[in-house]
Protein backbone atom coordinates (compact mmCIF):
# COMPACT_ATOMS: atom_id res chain seq x y z
CA UNK A 1 125.10 -199.15 -65.46
CA UNK A 2 128.60 -199.26 -66.91
CA UNK A 3 130.72 -196.23 -66.03
CA UNK A 4 131.12 -193.65 -68.73
CA UNK A 5 134.44 -192.61 -70.20
CA UNK A 6 136.77 -190.73 -67.94
CA UNK A 7 136.87 -186.97 -68.26
CA UNK A 8 139.94 -185.71 -70.12
CA UNK A 9 142.27 -183.60 -68.07
CA UNK A 10 145.73 -183.38 -66.49
CA UNK A 11 147.26 -186.63 -65.19
CA UNK A 12 146.36 -187.87 -61.69
CA UNK A 13 148.47 -186.39 -58.90
CA UNK A 14 149.14 -183.09 -60.61
CA UNK A 15 146.40 -181.32 -58.65
CA UNK A 16 148.11 -182.18 -55.36
CA UNK A 17 151.43 -181.04 -56.81
CA UNK A 18 149.83 -177.74 -57.84
CA UNK A 19 148.44 -177.25 -54.34
CA UNK A 20 151.86 -177.96 -52.82
CA UNK A 21 153.46 -175.59 -55.31
CA UNK A 22 151.12 -172.71 -54.44
CA UNK A 23 151.75 -173.26 -50.74
CA UNK A 24 155.51 -173.37 -51.18
CA UNK A 25 155.43 -170.25 -53.35
CA UNK A 26 153.51 -168.42 -50.60
CA UNK A 27 156.08 -169.51 -48.00
CA UNK A 28 159.15 -168.58 -50.03
CA UNK A 29 157.76 -165.28 -51.26
CA UNK A 30 157.02 -164.42 -47.63
CA UNK A 31 160.59 -165.28 -46.67
CA UNK A 32 162.01 -163.23 -49.54
CA UNK A 33 159.54 -160.37 -49.21
CA UNK A 34 162.07 -157.84 -47.91
CA UNK A 35 164.65 -158.84 -50.52
CA UNK A 36 162.18 -158.54 -53.40
CA UNK A 37 160.92 -155.22 -52.07
CA UNK A 38 164.49 -153.94 -51.84
CA UNK A 39 165.13 -154.90 -55.45
CA UNK A 40 162.00 -153.04 -56.49
CA UNK A 41 162.86 -150.00 -54.40
CA UNK A 42 166.01 -149.57 -56.48
CA UNK A 43 164.27 -149.37 -59.87
CA UNK A 44 160.51 -149.45 -59.26
CA UNK A 45 157.77 -148.63 -56.77
CA UNK A 46 159.30 -150.57 -53.89
CA UNK A 47 156.26 -152.77 -53.33
CA UNK A 48 156.92 -155.95 -55.33
CA UNK A 49 157.66 -158.21 -52.38
CA UNK A 50 154.88 -156.69 -50.28
CA UNK A 51 152.28 -157.14 -53.00
CA UNK A 52 153.26 -160.68 -53.93
CA UNK A 53 153.40 -161.72 -50.30
CA UNK A 54 149.89 -160.40 -49.71
CA UNK A 55 148.56 -162.09 -52.85
CA UNK A 56 150.06 -165.54 -52.41
CA UNK A 57 149.30 -165.51 -48.68
CA UNK A 58 145.64 -165.00 -49.62
CA UNK A 59 145.83 -167.90 -52.08
CA UNK A 60 147.36 -170.13 -49.40
CA UNK A 61 144.67 -169.07 -46.92
CA UNK A 62 141.98 -169.90 -49.48
CA UNK A 63 143.51 -173.34 -49.94
CA UNK A 64 143.45 -173.95 -46.20
CA UNK A 65 139.84 -172.80 -45.83
CA UNK A 66 138.61 -174.76 -48.83
CA UNK A 67 137.57 -171.69 -50.79
CA UNK A 68 139.66 -172.89 -53.72
CA UNK A 69 138.72 -176.24 -55.21
CA UNK A 70 141.79 -178.47 -55.32
CA UNK A 71 140.67 -181.42 -57.43
CA UNK A 72 141.55 -180.07 -60.87
CA UNK A 73 144.69 -178.21 -61.96
CA UNK A 74 143.20 -175.91 -64.58
CA UNK A 75 140.39 -174.42 -62.47
CA UNK A 76 142.73 -174.19 -59.47
CA UNK A 77 145.31 -172.14 -61.36
CA UNK A 78 142.61 -169.99 -62.90
CA UNK A 79 141.02 -169.30 -59.51
CA UNK A 80 144.40 -168.51 -57.95
CA UNK A 81 145.08 -166.08 -60.78
CA UNK A 82 141.75 -164.36 -60.27
CA UNK A 83 142.53 -164.05 -56.56
CA UNK A 84 145.82 -162.33 -57.30
CA UNK A 85 144.22 -160.11 -59.92
CA UNK A 86 141.51 -158.99 -57.52
CA UNK A 87 143.72 -158.44 -54.49
CA UNK A 88 147.21 -157.42 -55.57
CA UNK A 89 147.77 -153.90 -56.79
CA UNK A 90 150.29 -152.68 -59.31
CA UNK A 91 151.76 -154.48 -62.26
CA UNK A 92 152.65 -157.61 -60.30
CA UNK A 93 149.01 -158.41 -59.54
CA UNK A 94 147.94 -157.98 -63.15
CA UNK A 95 150.89 -159.90 -64.61
CA UNK A 96 150.95 -162.81 -62.16
CA UNK A 97 147.16 -163.00 -62.16
CA UNK A 98 147.01 -163.10 -65.94
CA UNK A 99 149.86 -165.63 -66.06
CA UNK A 100 148.12 -168.09 -63.73
CA UNK A 101 144.77 -167.67 -65.44
CA UNK A 102 146.31 -168.28 -68.86
CA UNK A 103 148.15 -171.33 -67.52
CA UNK A 104 144.95 -172.70 -66.00
CA UNK A 105 143.04 -172.36 -69.24
CA UNK A 106 145.80 -174.06 -71.22
CA UNK A 107 146.45 -177.05 -68.97
CA UNK A 108 142.78 -177.95 -68.66
CA UNK A 109 143.11 -179.54 -72.10
CA UNK A 110 146.14 -181.71 -71.18
CA UNK A 111 145.25 -185.41 -71.50
CA UNK A 112 148.73 -187.00 -71.47
CA UNK A 113 149.07 -189.51 -68.64
CA UNK A 114 151.96 -190.37 -66.31
CA UNK A 115 155.28 -188.53 -65.88
CA UNK A 116 155.13 -187.46 -69.54
CA UNK A 117 151.82 -185.81 -68.77
CA UNK A 118 153.29 -183.91 -65.82
CA UNK A 119 156.09 -182.63 -68.02
CA UNK A 120 153.66 -181.68 -70.78
CA UNK A 121 151.50 -179.89 -68.22
CA UNK A 122 154.50 -177.92 -66.95
CA UNK A 123 155.50 -176.95 -70.48
CA UNK A 124 151.96 -175.95 -71.41
CA UNK A 125 151.45 -173.96 -68.22
CA UNK A 126 154.75 -172.12 -68.57
CA UNK A 127 154.18 -171.35 -72.25
CA UNK A 128 150.69 -170.05 -71.55
CA UNK A 129 151.93 -167.90 -68.66
CA UNK A 130 154.59 -166.40 -70.92
CA UNK A 131 152.02 -165.68 -73.62
CA UNK A 132 149.72 -164.01 -71.10
CA UNK A 133 152.49 -161.83 -69.67
CA UNK A 134 153.80 -160.88 -73.11
CA UNK A 135 150.32 -159.95 -74.34
CA UNK A 136 149.55 -157.81 -71.30
CA UNK A 137 152.93 -156.16 -70.85
CA UNK A 138 153.99 -156.04 -74.52
CA UNK A 139 157.38 -157.32 -73.36
CA UNK A 140 159.98 -159.61 -74.86
CA UNK A 141 163.14 -161.30 -73.57
CA UNK A 142 165.85 -158.71 -73.06
CA UNK A 143 163.44 -156.03 -71.80
CA UNK A 144 164.47 -156.66 -68.14
CA UNK A 145 161.19 -158.25 -67.04
CA UNK A 146 159.74 -161.53 -65.75
CA UNK A 147 160.16 -162.99 -69.22
CA UNK A 148 163.94 -162.94 -68.86
CA UNK A 149 163.55 -165.72 -66.27
CA UNK A 150 160.51 -167.53 -67.63
CA UNK A 151 161.51 -167.86 -71.28
CA UNK A 152 164.90 -169.48 -70.50
CA UNK A 153 163.09 -171.82 -68.11
CA UNK A 154 160.70 -172.95 -70.85
CA UNK A 155 163.51 -173.36 -73.37
CA UNK A 156 165.51 -175.46 -70.89
CA UNK A 157 162.48 -177.60 -70.09
CA UNK A 158 161.80 -178.23 -73.77
CA UNK A 159 165.46 -178.94 -74.49
CA UNK A 160 165.83 -181.51 -71.72
CA UNK A 161 166.00 -185.03 -73.19
CA UNK A 162 162.62 -186.77 -73.24
CA UNK A 163 164.18 -189.66 -71.36
CA UNK A 164 165.08 -187.42 -68.42
CA UNK A 165 163.16 -187.73 -65.19
CA UNK A 166 160.63 -184.92 -64.79
CA UNK A 167 162.43 -183.68 -61.67
CA UNK A 168 165.72 -183.43 -63.59
CA UNK A 169 164.07 -181.51 -66.43
CA UNK A 170 162.45 -179.09 -63.99
CA UNK A 171 165.73 -178.64 -62.10
CA UNK A 172 167.30 -177.55 -65.39
CA UNK A 173 164.41 -175.16 -65.94
CA UNK A 174 164.87 -173.67 -62.46
CA UNK A 175 168.60 -173.20 -63.02
CA UNK A 176 167.88 -171.49 -66.34
CA UNK A 177 165.34 -169.20 -64.69
CA UNK A 178 167.82 -168.21 -61.99
CA UNK A 179 170.54 -167.58 -64.57
CA UNK A 180 168.11 -165.58 -66.68
CA UNK A 181 167.14 -163.44 -63.71
CA UNK A 182 170.80 -162.79 -62.86
CA UNK A 183 171.41 -161.81 -66.48
CA UNK A 184 169.00 -158.87 -66.09
CA UNK A 185 171.49 -157.02 -63.91
CA UNK A 186 173.42 -155.33 -66.75
CA UNK A 187 170.32 -154.76 -68.88
CA UNK A 188 168.64 -151.41 -69.42
CA UNK A 189 164.93 -151.73 -68.73
CA UNK A 190 162.63 -151.17 -71.68
CA UNK A 191 159.32 -151.87 -69.95
CA UNK A 192 157.61 -150.96 -66.71
CA UNK A 193 158.49 -148.34 -64.11
CA UNK A 194 162.17 -149.25 -64.34
CA UNK A 195 162.24 -148.05 -67.95
CA UNK A 196 161.72 -144.49 -66.71
CA UNK A 197 165.24 -144.63 -65.28
CA UNK A 198 166.84 -145.32 -68.65
CA UNK A 199 170.52 -146.19 -68.33
CA UNK A 200 170.29 -145.92 -64.55
CA UNK A 201 168.26 -149.14 -64.47
CA UNK A 202 171.38 -151.08 -65.49
CA UNK A 203 173.27 -152.68 -62.61
CA UNK A 204 170.15 -153.86 -60.79
CA UNK A 205 168.48 -157.27 -60.64
CA UNK A 206 164.95 -157.10 -62.00
CA UNK A 207 162.50 -157.91 -59.17
CA UNK A 208 159.95 -159.54 -61.49
CA UNK A 209 162.57 -161.85 -62.96
CA UNK A 210 163.79 -162.65 -59.44
CA UNK A 211 160.31 -163.58 -58.20
CA UNK A 212 159.61 -165.58 -61.36
CA UNK A 213 162.76 -167.61 -60.74
CA UNK A 214 161.51 -168.33 -57.22
CA UNK A 215 158.26 -169.72 -58.63
CA UNK A 216 160.05 -171.99 -61.10
CA UNK A 217 162.42 -173.24 -58.38
CA UNK A 218 159.42 -173.97 -56.15
CA UNK A 219 157.89 -176.13 -58.88
CA UNK A 220 161.12 -178.05 -59.34
CA UNK A 221 161.42 -178.63 -55.59
CA UNK A 222 157.80 -179.71 -55.17
CA UNK A 223 157.97 -182.22 -58.03
CA UNK A 224 161.31 -183.59 -56.79
CA UNK A 225 159.87 -183.99 -53.30
CA UNK A 226 156.69 -185.64 -54.59
CA UNK A 227 158.68 -188.11 -56.69
CA UNK A 228 160.93 -188.82 -53.71
CA UNK A 229 158.09 -189.21 -51.24
CA UNK A 230 158.92 -186.13 -49.20
CA UNK A 231 158.06 -182.46 -48.93
CA UNK A 232 160.36 -179.60 -49.92
CA UNK A 233 161.62 -177.16 -47.31
CA UNK A 234 160.07 -173.70 -47.32
CA UNK A 235 163.42 -172.02 -46.84
CA UNK A 236 165.01 -170.41 -49.90
CA UNK A 237 168.10 -172.01 -51.36
CA UNK A 238 171.40 -170.87 -49.91
CA UNK A 239 172.60 -167.66 -51.46
CA UNK A 240 169.24 -166.77 -53.00
């Protein structure tokens, strides 16, 4: 019998990149746990790094044990999001869980092949994550939240010339996310626990924007390593 048509979905290789990304996120969040918690202690509940570390460590453990299926990007992201949602308390669990679940649902429909497909997947996933966070938190750029890192990352990714290598486009996105996170320092928070402080929230880096920038940088590093035939280091970048 002749084989049937292939099942539409993300381009080959992106599932392994997603697995590597989740593992690298878990490692870097663990390394930056105390820093993220310190940021949150200044304007929030003081548990952001602790909660994210617990959540992504559980996702990494599920990958190692085979609990999470790793052959398809969409279901993998959705399952990782559900894991965070069920395990991590506070706003970070709900927002990151919803973001990954929304991304998983969106990218399942990606049928573009090759490097262009990987870039399209990244754009779709990031856009869906932003939509999920905005819908749940009723936030917008400028509110001193995760979106202040994620929205600039998406805009930079979309603005990168289509002829650029995917790793170059994602590096631009990571730089934009880091700049966006840094730009939250003078902002007055309008959402979340930090908003209770009013003007006193100004002068502090938003922990959600900081952790979001870490996730975008991890994606850029994983894709660059995959295209170069290596694996990215787990250590955070100097000065971060």
